[in-house]
């Protein structure tokens, strides 16, 4: 049911192309925004794709790292 199914994988992995722009994930973000399984995709990435490049569940590697740090801080504060 993933919205990305059948799409060009390069949308989610623009860093494989040389000289990508800061908004290289713009098209992928649009697809992820309407995806019915983006939460599952993100959960999978956080659990199994810790250092995978590309966009997973609507977040880039840097954004997922930031989210993990926030989650860790919240767990410590609880």
C-alpha atoms as a PDB file:
ATOM      1  CA  UNK A   1       0.000   0.000   0.000  1.00  0.00           C
ATOM      2  CA  UNK A   2       3.010   2.298   0.014  1.00  0.00           C
ATOM      3  CA  UNK A   3       2.604   5.395  -2.137  1.00  0.00           C
ATOM      4  CA  UNK A   4       6.204   5.024  -3.311  1.00  0.00           C
ATOM      5  CA  UNK A   5       5.599   1.592  -4.778  1.00  0.00           C
ATOM      6  CA  UNK A   6       6.363   1.708  -8.474  1.00  0.00           C
ATOM      7  CA  UNK A   7       7.939   5.175  -8.250  1.00  0.00           C
ATOM      8  CA  UNK A   8      11.508   5.963  -9.244  1.00  0.00           C
ATOM      9  CA  UNK A   9      13.727   5.027  -6.235  1.00  0.00           C
ATOM     10  CA  UNK A  10      16.061   7.910  -7.075  1.00  0.00           C
ATOM     11  CA  UNK A  11      13.474  10.266  -5.538  1.00  0.00           C
ATOM     12  CA  UNK A  12      14.238   8.775  -2.106  1.00  0.00           C
ATOM     13  CA  UNK A  13      17.971   8.469  -2.627  1.00  0.00           C
ATOM     14  CA  UNK A  14      19.057  11.690  -4.395  1.00  0.00           C
ATOM     15  CA  UNK A  15      22.442  11.603  -2.667  1.00  0.00           C
ATOM     16  CA  UNK A  16      23.374   8.835  -5.087  1.00  0.00           C
ATOM     17  CA  UNK A  17      23.425  11.532  -7.748  1.00  0.00           C
ATOM     18  CA  UNK A  18      26.304  13.958  -7.622  1.00  0.00           C
ATOM     19  CA  UNK A  19      25.584  17.593  -6.893  1.00  0.00           C
ATOM     20  CA  UNK A  20      22.077  17.213  -5.464  1.00  0.00           C
ATOM     21  CA  UNK A  21      20.334  20.335  -4.267  1.00  0.00           C
ATOM     22  CA  UNK A  22      19.052  21.008  -0.713  1.00  0.00           C
ATOM     23  CA  UNK A  23      15.478  20.446  -1.881  1.00  0.00           C
ATOM     24  CA  UNK A  24      16.418  17.144  -3.540  1.00  0.00           C
ATOM     25  CA  UNK A  25      13.825  15.341  -1.429  1.00  0.00           C
ATOM     26  CA  UNK A  26      10.958  17.676  -2.362  1.00  0.00           C
ATOM     27  CA  UNK A  27       9.224  15.211  -4.697  1.00  0.00           C
ATOM     28  CA  UNK A  28       9.699  12.310  -2.285  1.00  0.00           C
ATOM     29  CA  UNK A  29       8.222  14.401   0.547  1.00  0.00           C
ATOM     30  CA  UNK A  30       5.081  14.982  -1.535  1.00  0.00           C
ATOM     31  CA  UNK A  31       4.625  11.255  -2.024  1.00  0.00           C
ATOM     32  CA  UNK A  32       5.341  10.466   1.634  1.00  0.00           C
ATOM     33  CA  UNK A  33       2.868  13.131   2.755  1.00  0.00           C
ATOM     34  CA  UNK A  34      -0.037  11.190   1.252  1.00  0.00           C
ATOM     35  CA  UNK A  35       1.251   7.690   1.963  1.00  0.00           C
ATOM     36  CA  UNK A  36      -1.026   5.484   4.075  1.00  0.00           C
ATOM     37  CA  UNK A  37       1.943   3.589   5.549  1.00  0.00           C
ATOM     38  CA  UNK A  38       4.443   6.388   6.200  1.00  0.00           C
ATOM     39  CA  UNK A  39       4.324   5.710   9.946  1.00  0.00           C
ATOM     40  CA  UNK A  40       5.166   2.049   9.414  1.00  0.00           C
ATOM     41  CA  UNK A  41       7.956   3.035   7.030  1.00  0.00           C
ATOM     42  CA  UNK A  42       9.400   5.453   9.559  1.00  0.00           C
ATOM     43  CA  UNK A  43       9.166   2.903  12.384  1.00  0.00           C
ATOM     44  CA  UNK A  44      10.994   0.365  10.211  1.00  0.00           C
ATOM     45  CA  UNK A  45      13.715   2.887   9.392  1.00  0.00           C
ATOM     46  CA  UNK A  46      14.186   3.857  13.021  1.00  0.00           C
ATOM     47  CA  UNK A  47      14.504   0.217  14.032  1.00  0.00           C
ATOM     48  CA  UNK A  48      16.352  -1.406  11.134  1.00  0.00           C
ATOM     49  CA  UNK A  49      17.766   1.303   8.872  1.00  0.00           C
ATOM     50  CA  UNK A  50      19.571   3.364  11.482  1.00  0.00           C
ATOM     51  CA  UNK A  51      22.261   4.715   9.181  1.00  0.00           C
ATOM     52  CA  UNK A  52      20.578   4.220   5.831  1.00  0.00           C
ATOM     53  CA  UNK A  53      20.720   7.141   3.529  1.00  0.00           C
ATOM     54  CA  UNK A  54      17.672   8.367   1.712  1.00  0.00           C
ATOM     55  CA  UNK A  55      14.215   9.244   2.867  1.00  0.00           C
ATOM     56  CA  UNK A  56      12.214   6.774   4.923  1.00  0.00           C
ATOM     57  CA  UNK A  57       8.784   7.563   6.349  1.00  0.00           C
ATOM     58  CA  UNK A  58       9.055  11.144   5.148  1.00  0.00           C
ATOM     59  CA  UNK A  59      12.321  11.882   6.969  1.00  0.00           C
ATOM     60  CA  UNK A  60      15.902  12.122   5.772  1.00  0.00           C
ATOM     61  CA  UNK A  61      18.793  10.477   7.606  1.00  0.00           C
ATOM     62  CA  UNK A  62      19.586  13.702   9.479  1.00  0.00           C
ATOM     63  CA  UNK A  63      15.937  14.201  10.410  1.00  0.00           C
ATOM     64  CA  UNK A  64      15.672  10.620  11.671  1.00  0.00           C
ATOM     65  CA  UNK A  65      18.798  11.085  13.772  1.00  0.00           C
ATOM     66  CA  UNK A  66      17.311  14.226  15.292  1.00  0.00           C
ATOM     67  CA  UNK A  67      14.044  12.391  15.998  1.00  0.00           C
ATOM     68  CA  UNK A  68      15.954   9.527  17.694  1.00  0.00           C
ATOM     69  CA  UNK A  69      17.784  12.003  19.921  1.00  0.00           C
ATOM     70  CA  UNK A  70      14.511  13.671  20.904  1.00  0.00           C
ATOM     71  CA  UNK A  71      12.958  10.292  21.694  1.00  0.00           C
ATOM     72  CA  UNK A  72      15.966   9.321  23.814  1.00  0.00           C
ATOM     73  CA  UNK A  73      15.771  12.585  25.756  1.00  0.00           C
ATOM     74  CA  UNK A  74      12.059  12.074  26.362  1.00  0.00           C
ATOM     75  CA  UNK A  75      12.645   8.539  27.638  1.00  0.00           C
ATOM     76  CA  UNK A  76      15.352   9.761  30.013  1.00  0.00           C
ATOM     77  CA  UNK A  77      13.086  12.538  31.287  1.00  0.00           C
ATOM     78  CA  UNK A  78      10.242  10.093  32.003  1.00  0.00           C
END
